[in-house]
Amino acid sequence: MEWAKRESKNYIFNYHVGSLAEKDIEKIIKLQENCYDFISNCLNVEMEQKINYFLCETSIEVGELFGDNEPCNGCAKEPNEVFAVYNTEVKCIGFHEDAHLISYNLSVPPQTFLREGLAMFFDKVSLGIPQYMWVKYFIDNGLYVKVEDLVINDKFYNYSDLVTYPIAGAFVEYLTTNFGIEKFKEFYASVDEDFDKSFSHTFNFSVSESNNKFINYINCLGYNDAFTEIIKNVVQDKL
């Protein structure tokens, strides 16, 4: 299909002629520019070049353009490319992939948990439900995975992203709320393969201690029974 292109302040948008993305392009531009501004201001970092954003018809097309031929709704590719599904059922736009690319100007930590956690921190929700509510459900129903396990990449990939992503996002939000964004940025920019050592050096707590404090924090928060029922149904359907 023929591609069309629109350029804005921080993006180059590529979309198919006659597609829903073409119809909604003004709305998409406004949304992504607002996301870019928020991420950039929060992290105090800018992209060196515009983000080249490909709005695709299907997850298969995303995989083909990304280059691994793995169907996916959205993915980022260094240094400045995003491939995302945009159709009547899936609109994979917003903070997440942009947060990856912008934050990589600070550093690219070796831990998937940390990279996805920061992107999810900006998303705030999973399937429209606050991430802490997912974590609360996992804790109450024996599905929670400890942070000290999830920072190990091999273990992270052993679990569904339905579980790992909300935990990662909520934990990063916990850190930024508790210690401040500048302290978190210091950690994000300096962490190496020895996650626990880097973490303890920055925050003066072990990962295990912080995991326990994080659980205590989540258990202090209120929750909505209607959201809990939705989470239960999603978990039963997908896990």
C-alpha atoms as a PDB file:
ATOM      1  CA  MET A   1       0.000   0.000   0.000  1.00  0.00           C
ATOM      2  CA  GLU A   2       1.111   3.532  -0.729  1.00  0.00           C
ATOM      3  CA  TRP A   3       2.659   5.515   2.128  1.00  0.00           C
ATOM      4  CA  ALA A   4       2.012   9.160   2.933  1.00  0.00           C
ATOM      5  CA  LYS A   5       4.033  11.330   5.297  1.00  0.00           C
ATOM      6  CA  ARG A   6       3.421  14.232   7.712  1.00  0.00           C
ATOM      7  CA  GLU A   7       6.093  16.046   9.652  1.00  0.00           C
ATOM      8  CA  SER A   8       5.623  17.881  12.948  1.00  0.00           C
ATOM      9  CA  LYS A   9       7.959  19.503  15.463  1.00  0.00           C
ATOM     10  CA  ASN A  10       9.394  16.265  16.882  1.00  0.00           C
ATOM     11  CA  TYR A  11       8.029  13.558  14.549  1.00  0.00           C
ATOM     12  CA  ILE A  12       7.854  12.259  11.022  1.00  0.00           C
ATOM     13  CA  PHE A  13       4.616  10.257  10.720  1.00  0.00           C
ATOM     14  CA  ASN A  14       4.296   7.605   8.010  1.00  0.00           C
ATOM     15  CA  TYR A  15       0.872   6.105   7.261  1.00  0.00           C
ATOM     16  CA  HIS A  16      -0.997   4.398   4.442  1.00  0.00           C
ATOM     17  CA  VAL A  17      -3.065   6.444   2.040  1.00  0.00           C
ATOM     18  CA  GLY A  18      -6.757   5.965   2.805  1.00  0.00           C
ATOM     19  CA  SER A  19      -6.094   4.450   6.237  1.00  0.00           C
ATOM     20  CA  LEU A  20      -7.713   5.327   9.550  1.00  0.00           C
ATOM     21  CA  ALA A  21      -4.365   6.796  10.581  1.00  0.00           C
ATOM     22  CA  GLU A  22      -4.562   9.242   7.685  1.00  0.00           C
ATOM     23  CA  LYS A  23      -8.047  10.239   8.771  1.00  0.00           C
ATOM     24  CA  ASP A  24      -6.931  10.767  12.374  1.00  0.00           C
ATOM     25  CA  ILE A  25      -3.470  12.161  11.698  1.00  0.00           C
ATOM     26  CA  GLU A  26      -4.094  15.610  13.213  1.00  0.00           C
ATOM     27  CA  LYS A  27      -5.305  14.014  16.438  1.00  0.00           C
ATOM     28  CA  ILE A  28      -2.352  11.626  16.452  1.00  0.00           C
ATOM     29  CA  ILE A  29       0.141  14.448  15.939  1.00  0.00           C
ATOM     30  CA  LYS A  30      -1.319  16.453  18.807  1.00  0.00           C
ATOM     31  CA  LEU A  31      -1.307  13.447  21.148  1.00  0.00           C
ATOM     32  CA  GLN A  32       2.259  12.393  20.404  1.00  0.00           C
ATOM     33  CA  GLU A  33       3.660  15.911  20.598  1.00  0.00           C
ATOM     34  CA  ASN A  34       2.044  16.288  24.024  1.00  0.00           C
ATOM     35  CA  CYS A  35       3.528  12.938  25.095  1.00  0.00           C
ATOM     36  CA  TYR A  36       6.941  13.982  23.808  1.00  0.00           C
ATOM     37  CA  ASP A  37       6.836  17.272  25.722  1.00  0.00           C
ATOM     38  CA  PHE A  38       5.851  15.565  28.962  1.00  0.00           C
ATOM     39  CA  ILE A  39       8.533  12.853  28.732  1.00  0.00           C
ATOM     40  CA  SER A  40      11.207  15.306  27.660  1.00  0.00           C
ATOM     41  CA  ASN A  41      10.378  17.773  30.442  1.00  0.00           C
ATOM     42  CA  CYS A  42      10.223  15.030  33.058  1.00  0.00           C
ATOM     43  CA  LEU A  43      13.571  13.494  32.097  1.00  0.00           C
ATOM     44  CA  ASN A  44      15.144  16.781  30.980  1.00  0.00           C
ATOM     45  CA  VAL A  45      16.378  15.207  27.767  1.00  0.00           C
ATOM     46  CA  GLU A  46      15.757  15.725  24.047  1.00  0.00           C
ATOM     47  CA  MET A  47      16.019  13.503  20.989  1.00  0.00           C
ATOM     48  CA  GLU A  48      18.885  14.367  18.654  1.00  0.00           C
ATOM     49  CA  GLN A  49      16.640  13.708  15.669  1.00  0.00           C
ATOM     50  CA  LYS A  50      12.929  13.468  14.995  1.00  0.00           C
ATOM     51  CA  ILE A  51      11.092  10.251  15.817  1.00  0.00           C
ATOM     52  CA  ASN A  52      10.211   8.390  12.632  1.00  0.00           C
ATOM     53  CA  TYR A  53       6.757   6.954  13.409  1.00  0.00           C
ATOM     54  CA  PHE A  54       5.228   4.225  11.220  1.00  0.00           C
ATOM     55  CA  LEU A  55       1.467   3.763  11.708  1.00  0.00           C
ATOM     56  CA  CYS A  56       0.703   0.257  10.503  1.00  0.00           C
ATOM     57  CA  GLU A  57      -2.456  -1.607   9.605  1.00  0.00           C
ATOM     58  CA  THR A  58      -1.640  -4.870  11.415  1.00  0.00           C
ATOM     59  CA  SER A  59       0.720  -6.424  13.967  1.00  0.00           C
ATOM     60  CA  ILE A  60       2.160  -8.539  11.142  1.00  0.00           C
ATOM     61  CA  GLU A  61       3.141  -5.376   9.283  1.00  0.00           C
ATOM     62  CA  VAL A  62       4.812  -4.038  12.433  1.00  0.00           C
ATOM     63  CA  GLY A  63       6.953  -7.166  12.661  1.00  0.00           C
ATOM     64  CA  GLU A  64       7.878  -6.983   9.001  1.00  0.00           C
ATOM     65  CA  LEU A  65       8.931  -3.324   9.192  1.00  0.00           C
ATOM     66  CA  PHE A  66      10.779  -3.802  12.480  1.00  0.00           C
ATOM     67  CA  GLY A  67      12.704  -6.620  10.854  1.00  0.00           C
ATOM     68  CA  ASP A  68      12.168  -9.636  13.102  1.00  0.00           C
ATOM     69  CA  ASN A  69       8.861 -10.734  11.491  1.00  0.00           C
ATOM     70  CA  GLU A  70       7.338 -11.225  14.956  1.00  0.00           C
ATOM     71  CA  PRO A  71       3.764  -9.842  15.093  1.00  0.00           C
ATOM     72  CA  CYS A  72       3.604  -6.993  17.587  1.00  0.00           C
ATOM     73  CA  ASN A  73       1.270  -4.084  18.291  1.00  0.00           C
ATOM     74  CA  GLY A  74       4.070  -1.637  18.941  1.00  0.00           C
ATOM     75  CA  CYS A  75       7.844  -1.485  19.233  1.00  0.00           C
ATOM     76  CA  ALA A  76      10.681   1.021  19.261  1.00  0.00           C
ATOM     77  CA  LYS A  77      13.939   0.675  17.358  1.00  0.00           C
ATOM     78  CA  GLU A  78      17.014   2.716  18.146  1.00  0.00           C
ATOM     79  CA  PRO A  79      17.846   5.385  17.483  1.00  0.00           C
ATOM     80  CA  ASN A  80      14.568   6.983  16.391  1.00  0.00           C
ATOM     81  CA  GLU A  81      11.942   4.626  14.950  1.00  0.00           C
ATOM     82  CA  VAL A  82       8.541   3.524  16.244  1.00  0.00           C
ATOM     83  CA  PHE A  83       6.308   0.943  14.554  1.00  0.00           C
ATOM     84  CA  ALA A  84       2.728   0.829  15.839  1.00  0.00           C
ATOM     85  CA  VAL A  85      -0.638  -0.633  14.906  1.00  0.00           C
ATOM     86  CA  TYR A  86      -3.376   1.894  14.298  1.00  0.00           C
ATOM     87  CA  ASN A  87      -6.744   0.485  13.197  1.00  0.00           C
ATOM     88  CA  THR A  88     -10.332   0.346  14.417  1.00  0.00           C
ATOM     89  CA  GLU A  89      -9.531  -2.204  17.147  1.00  0.00           C
ATOM     90  CA  VAL A  90      -5.978  -1.328  18.198  1.00  0.00           C
ATOM     91  CA  LYS A  91      -4.498   2.152  18.535  1.00  0.00           C
ATOM     92  CA  CYS A  92      -0.990   1.630  19.856  1.00  0.00           C
ATOM     93  CA  ILE A  93      -0.062   5.261  20.352  1.00  0.00           C
ATOM     94  CA  GLY A  94       0.724   7.345  23.408  1.00  0.00           C
ATOM     95  CA  PHE A  95       3.670   7.423  25.781  1.00  0.00           C
ATOM     96  CA  HIS A  96       5.188   3.958  25.775  1.00  0.00           C
ATOM     97  CA  GLU A  97       7.394   3.563  22.699  1.00  0.00           C
ATOM     98  CA  ASP A  98       8.349   7.241  22.690  1.00  0.00           C
ATOM     99  CA  ALA A  99       9.447   6.939  26.325  1.00  0.00           C
ATOM    100  CA  HIS A 100      11.833   4.163  25.313  1.00  0.00           C
ATOM    101  CA  LEU A 101      13.511   6.224  22.609  1.00  0.00           C
ATOM    102  CA  ILE A 102      13.684   9.463  24.588  1.00  0.00           C
ATOM    103  CA  SER A 103      14.964   7.770  27.757  1.00  0.00           C
ATOM    104  CA  TYR A 104      17.679   5.978  25.789  1.00  0.00           C
ATOM    105  CA  ASN A 105      19.331   9.390  25.466  1.00  0.00           C
ATOM    106  CA  LEU A 106      20.023   9.035  29.187  1.00  0.00           C
ATOM    107  CA  SER A 107      21.062   5.396  29.079  1.00  0.00           C
ATOM    108  CA  VAL A 108      19.973   1.942  27.919  1.00  0.00           C
ATOM    109  CA  PRO A 109      19.974  -0.144  31.118  1.00  0.00           C
ATOM    110  CA  PRO A 110      20.691  -3.862  30.647  1.00  0.00           C
ATOM    111  CA  GLN A 111      17.572  -4.858  32.629  1.00  0.00           C
ATOM    112  CA  THR A 112      14.359  -5.171  30.610  1.00  0.00           C
ATOM    113  CA  PHE A 113      12.432  -4.661  33.855  1.00  0.00           C
ATOM    114  CA  LEU A 114      13.866  -1.161  34.262  1.00  0.00           C
ATOM    115  CA  ARG A 115      13.450  -0.114  30.635  1.00  0.00           C
ATOM    116  CA  GLU A 116       9.847  -1.309  30.496  1.00  0.00           C
ATOM    117  CA  GLY A 117       9.189   0.035  33.980  1.00  0.00           C
ATOM    118  CA  LEU A 118      10.043   3.579  32.928  1.00  0.00           C
ATOM    119  CA  ALA A 119       7.888   3.319  29.793  1.00  0.00           C
ATOM    120  CA  MET A 120       5.006   1.953  31.882  1.00  0.00           C
ATOM    121  CA  PHE A 121       5.556   4.706  34.449  1.00  0.00           C
ATOM    122  CA  PHE A 122       4.586   7.186  31.753  1.00  0.00           C
ATOM    123  CA  ASP A 123       1.644   5.015  30.600  1.00  0.00           C
ATOM    124  CA  LYS A 124       0.180   4.966  34.160  1.00  0.00           C
ATOM    125  CA  VAL A 125      -2.361   2.276  33.190  1.00  0.00           C
ATOM    126  CA  SER A 126      -2.540  -1.251  31.777  1.00  0.00           C
ATOM    127  CA  LEU A 127      -5.648  -1.890  29.679  1.00  0.00           C
ATOM    128  CA  GLY A 128      -7.049   1.348  31.095  1.00  0.00           C
ATOM    129  CA  ILE A 129      -6.652   0.274  34.752  1.00  0.00           C
ATOM    130  CA  PRO A 130      -4.088   1.857  37.117  1.00  0.00           C
ATOM    131  CA  GLN A 131      -1.043  -0.353  37.422  1.00  0.00           C
ATOM    132  CA  TYR A 132      -1.072  -0.482  41.201  1.00  0.00           C
ATOM    133  CA  MET A 133      -4.493  -2.179  41.057  1.00  0.00           C
ATOM    134  CA  TRP A 134      -3.006  -4.945  38.929  1.00  0.00           C
ATOM    135  CA  VAL A 135      -0.161  -5.330  41.419  1.00  0.00           C
ATOM    136  CA  LYS A 136      -2.618  -5.427  44.318  1.00  0.00           C
ATOM    137  CA  TYR A 137      -4.541  -8.198  42.571  1.00  0.00           C
ATOM    138  CA  PHE A 138      -1.338 -10.141  41.934  1.00  0.00           C
ATOM    139  CA  ILE A 139      -0.333  -9.843  45.603  1.00  0.00           C
ATOM    140  CA  ASP A 140      -3.746 -10.970  46.843  1.00  0.00           C
ATOM    141  CA  ASN A 141      -3.967 -13.908  44.441  1.00  0.00           C
ATOM    142  CA  GLY A 142      -0.480 -15.385  44.535  1.00  0.00           C
ATOM    143  CA  LEU A 143       0.582 -14.027  41.141  1.00  0.00           C
ATOM    144  CA  TYR A 144       3.052 -11.391  42.311  1.00  0.00           C
ATOM    145  CA  VAL A 145       6.676 -11.836  41.253  1.00  0.00           C
ATOM    146  CA  LYS A 146       9.392 -10.266  43.398  1.00  0.00           C
ATOM    147  CA  VAL A 147      11.354  -7.379  41.932  1.00  0.00           C
ATOM    148  CA  GLU A 148      14.663  -9.098  42.743  1.00  0.00           C
ATOM    149  CA  ASP A 149      13.602 -11.883  40.376  1.00  0.00           C
ATOM    150  CA  LEU A 150      12.223  -9.668  37.613  1.00  0.00           C
ATOM    151  CA  VAL A 151      15.441  -7.644  37.300  1.00  0.00           C
ATOM    152  CA  ILE A 152      17.052 -10.835  35.964  1.00  0.00           C
ATOM    153  CA  ASN A 153      16.214 -10.826  32.255  1.00  0.00           C
ATOM    154  CA  ASP A 154      15.867 -14.590  31.882  1.00  0.00           C
ATOM    155  CA  LYS A 155      13.362 -14.660  34.732  1.00  0.00           C
ATOM    156  CA  PHE A 156      11.522 -11.568  33.453  1.00  0.00           C
ATOM    157  CA  TYR A 157      10.785 -13.314  30.162  1.00  0.00           C
ATOM    158  CA  ASN A 158       9.491 -16.409  31.966  1.00  0.00           C
ATOM    159  CA  TYR A 159       6.339 -14.502  32.927  1.00  0.00           C
ATOM    160  CA  SER A 160       3.541 -12.919  30.908  1.00  0.00           C
ATOM    161  CA  ASP A 161       3.872  -9.213  30.225  1.00  0.00           C
ATOM    162  CA  LEU A 162       0.373  -8.977  31.672  1.00  0.00           C
ATOM    163  CA  VAL A 163       2.131  -9.516  35.023  1.00  0.00           C
ATOM    164  CA  THR A 164       5.618  -8.095  34.515  1.00  0.00           C
ATOM    165  CA  TYR A 165       4.751  -4.756  32.914  1.00  0.00           C
ATOM    166  CA  PRO A 166       2.350  -3.454  35.607  1.00  0.00           C
ATOM    167  CA  ILE A 167       4.752  -4.511  38.368  1.00  0.00           C
ATOM    168  CA  ALA A 168       7.624  -2.764  36.607  1.00  0.00           C
ATOM    169  CA  GLY A 169       5.631   0.417  36.009  1.00  0.00           C
ATOM    170  CA  ALA A 170       4.243   0.589  39.532  1.00  0.00           C
ATOM    171  CA  PHE A 171       7.685  -0.034  41.038  1.00  0.00           C
ATOM    172  CA  VAL A 172       9.281   2.773  39.019  1.00  0.00           C
ATOM    173  CA  GLU A 173       6.437   5.073  40.078  1.00  0.00           C
ATOM    174  CA  TYR A 174       7.067   4.029  43.688  1.00  0.00           C
ATOM    175  CA  LEU A 175      10.758   4.903  43.345  1.00  0.00           C
ATOM    176  CA  THR A 176      10.152   8.275  41.725  1.00  0.00           C
ATOM    177  CA  THR A 177       7.509   9.191  44.317  1.00  0.00           C
ATOM    178  CA  ASN A 178       9.660   8.072  47.218  1.00  0.00           C
ATOM    179  CA  PHE A 179      13.070   9.347  46.105  1.00  0.00           C
ATOM    180  CA  GLY A 180      12.330  11.923  43.407  1.00  0.00           C
ATOM    181  CA  ILE A 181      12.820  11.882  39.655  1.00  0.00           C
ATOM    182  CA  GLU A 182      16.406  13.161  39.811  1.00  0.00           C
ATOM    183  CA  LYS A 183      17.511  10.329  42.100  1.00  0.00           C
ATOM    184  CA  PHE A 184      15.771   7.832  39.827  1.00  0.00           C
ATOM    185  CA  LYS A 185      17.481   9.329  36.772  1.00  0.00           C
ATOM    186  CA  GLU A 186      20.829   9.007  38.548  1.00  0.00           C
ATOM    187  CA  PHE A 187      20.122   5.316  39.041  1.00  0.00           C
ATOM    188  CA  TYR A 188      18.768   4.770  35.520  1.00  0.00           C
ATOM    189  CA  ALA A 189      21.871   6.369  34.001  1.00  0.00           C
ATOM    190  CA  SER A 190      24.366   4.441  36.133  1.00  0.00           C
ATOM    191  CA  VAL A 191      22.922   0.945  36.659  1.00  0.00           C
ATOM    192  CA  ASP A 192      25.019  -1.892  35.296  1.00  0.00           C
ATOM    193  CA  GLU A 193      24.766  -5.689  35.245  1.00  0.00           C
ATOM    194  CA  ASP A 194      24.957  -5.796  39.051  1.00  0.00           C
ATOM    195  CA  PHE A 195      21.501  -4.357  39.623  1.00  0.00           C
ATOM    196  CA  ASP A 196      21.443  -4.901  43.388  1.00  0.00           C
ATOM    197  CA  LYS A 197      24.804  -3.201  43.937  1.00  0.00           C
ATOM    198  CA  SER A 198      23.817  -0.207  41.771  1.00  0.00           C
ATOM    199  CA  PHE A 199      20.435  -0.011  43.476  1.00  0.00           C
ATOM    200  CA  SER A 200      21.876  -0.117  46.993  1.00  0.00           C
ATOM    201  CA  HIS A 201      24.494   2.499  46.101  1.00  0.00           C
ATOM    202  CA  THR A 202      21.830   4.943  44.873  1.00  0.00           C
ATOM    203  CA  PHE A 203      18.920   4.318  47.250  1.00  0.00           C
ATOM    204  CA  ASN A 204      20.659   2.896  50.372  1.00  0.00           C
ATOM    205  CA  PHE A 205      18.305  -0.088  50.359  1.00  0.00           C
ATOM    206  CA  SER A 206      18.702  -3.541  48.887  1.00  0.00           C
ATOM    207  CA  VAL A 207      16.321  -4.556  46.115  1.00  0.00           C
ATOM    208  CA  SER A 208      14.782  -7.120  48.465  1.00  0.00           C
ATOM    209  CA  GLU A 209      14.147  -4.486  51.146  1.00  0.00           C
ATOM    210  CA  SER A 210      12.606  -2.148  48.592  1.00  0.00           C
ATOM    211  CA  ASN A 211      10.427  -4.946  47.228  1.00  0.00           C
ATOM    212  CA  ASN A 212       8.963  -5.470  50.708  1.00  0.00           C
ATOM    213  CA  LYS A 213       8.432  -1.744  51.183  1.00  0.00           C
ATOM    214  CA  PHE A 214       6.793  -1.587  47.766  1.00  0.00           C
ATOM    215  CA  ILE A 215       4.343  -4.349  48.687  1.00  0.00           C
ATOM    216  CA  ASN A 216       3.504  -2.537  51.934  1.00  0.00           C
ATOM    217  CA  TYR A 217       2.883   0.647  49.949  1.00  0.00           C
ATOM    218  CA  ILE A 218       0.594  -1.083  47.439  1.00  0.00           C
ATOM    219  CA  ASN A 219      -1.396  -2.625  50.297  1.00  0.00           C
ATOM    220  CA  CYS A 220      -2.041   0.873  51.684  1.00  0.00           C
ATOM    221  CA  LEU A 221      -3.770   2.052  48.503  1.00  0.00           C
ATOM    222  CA  GLY A 222      -7.476   1.902  47.842  1.00  0.00           C
ATOM    223  CA  TYR A 223      -8.951  -0.103  45.009  1.00  0.00           C
ATOM    224  CA  ASN A 224     -12.125  -0.361  42.987  1.00  0.00           C
ATOM    225  CA  ASP A 225     -14.161  -3.590  43.048  1.00  0.00           C
ATOM    226  CA  ALA A 226     -15.282  -3.093  39.449  1.00  0.00           C
ATOM    227  CA  PHE A 227     -11.680  -2.808  38.248  1.00  0.00           C
ATOM    228  CA  THR A 228     -10.713  -5.822  40.338  1.00  0.00           C
ATOM    229  CA  GLU A 229     -13.401  -7.893  38.623  1.00  0.00           C
ATOM    230  CA  ILE A 230     -12.147  -6.802  35.204  1.00  0.00           C
ATOM    231  CA  ILE A 231      -8.588  -7.757  36.153  1.00  0.00           C
ATOM    232  CA  LYS A 232      -9.818 -11.137  37.395  1.00  0.00           C
ATOM    233  CA  ASN A 233     -11.559 -11.834  34.099  1.00  0.00           C
ATOM    234  CA  VAL A 234      -8.555 -10.769  32.016  1.00  0.00           C
ATOM    235  CA  VAL A 235      -6.194 -12.894  34.102  1.00  0.00           C
ATOM    236  CA  GLN A 236      -8.451 -15.936  33.855  1.00  0.00           C
ATOM    237  CA  ASP A 237      -8.688 -15.483  30.101  1.00  0.00           C
ATOM    238  CA  LYS A 238      -5.005 -14.857  29.356  1.00  0.00           C
ATOM    239  CA  LEU A 239      -2.943 -16.587  32.038  1.00  0.00           C
END
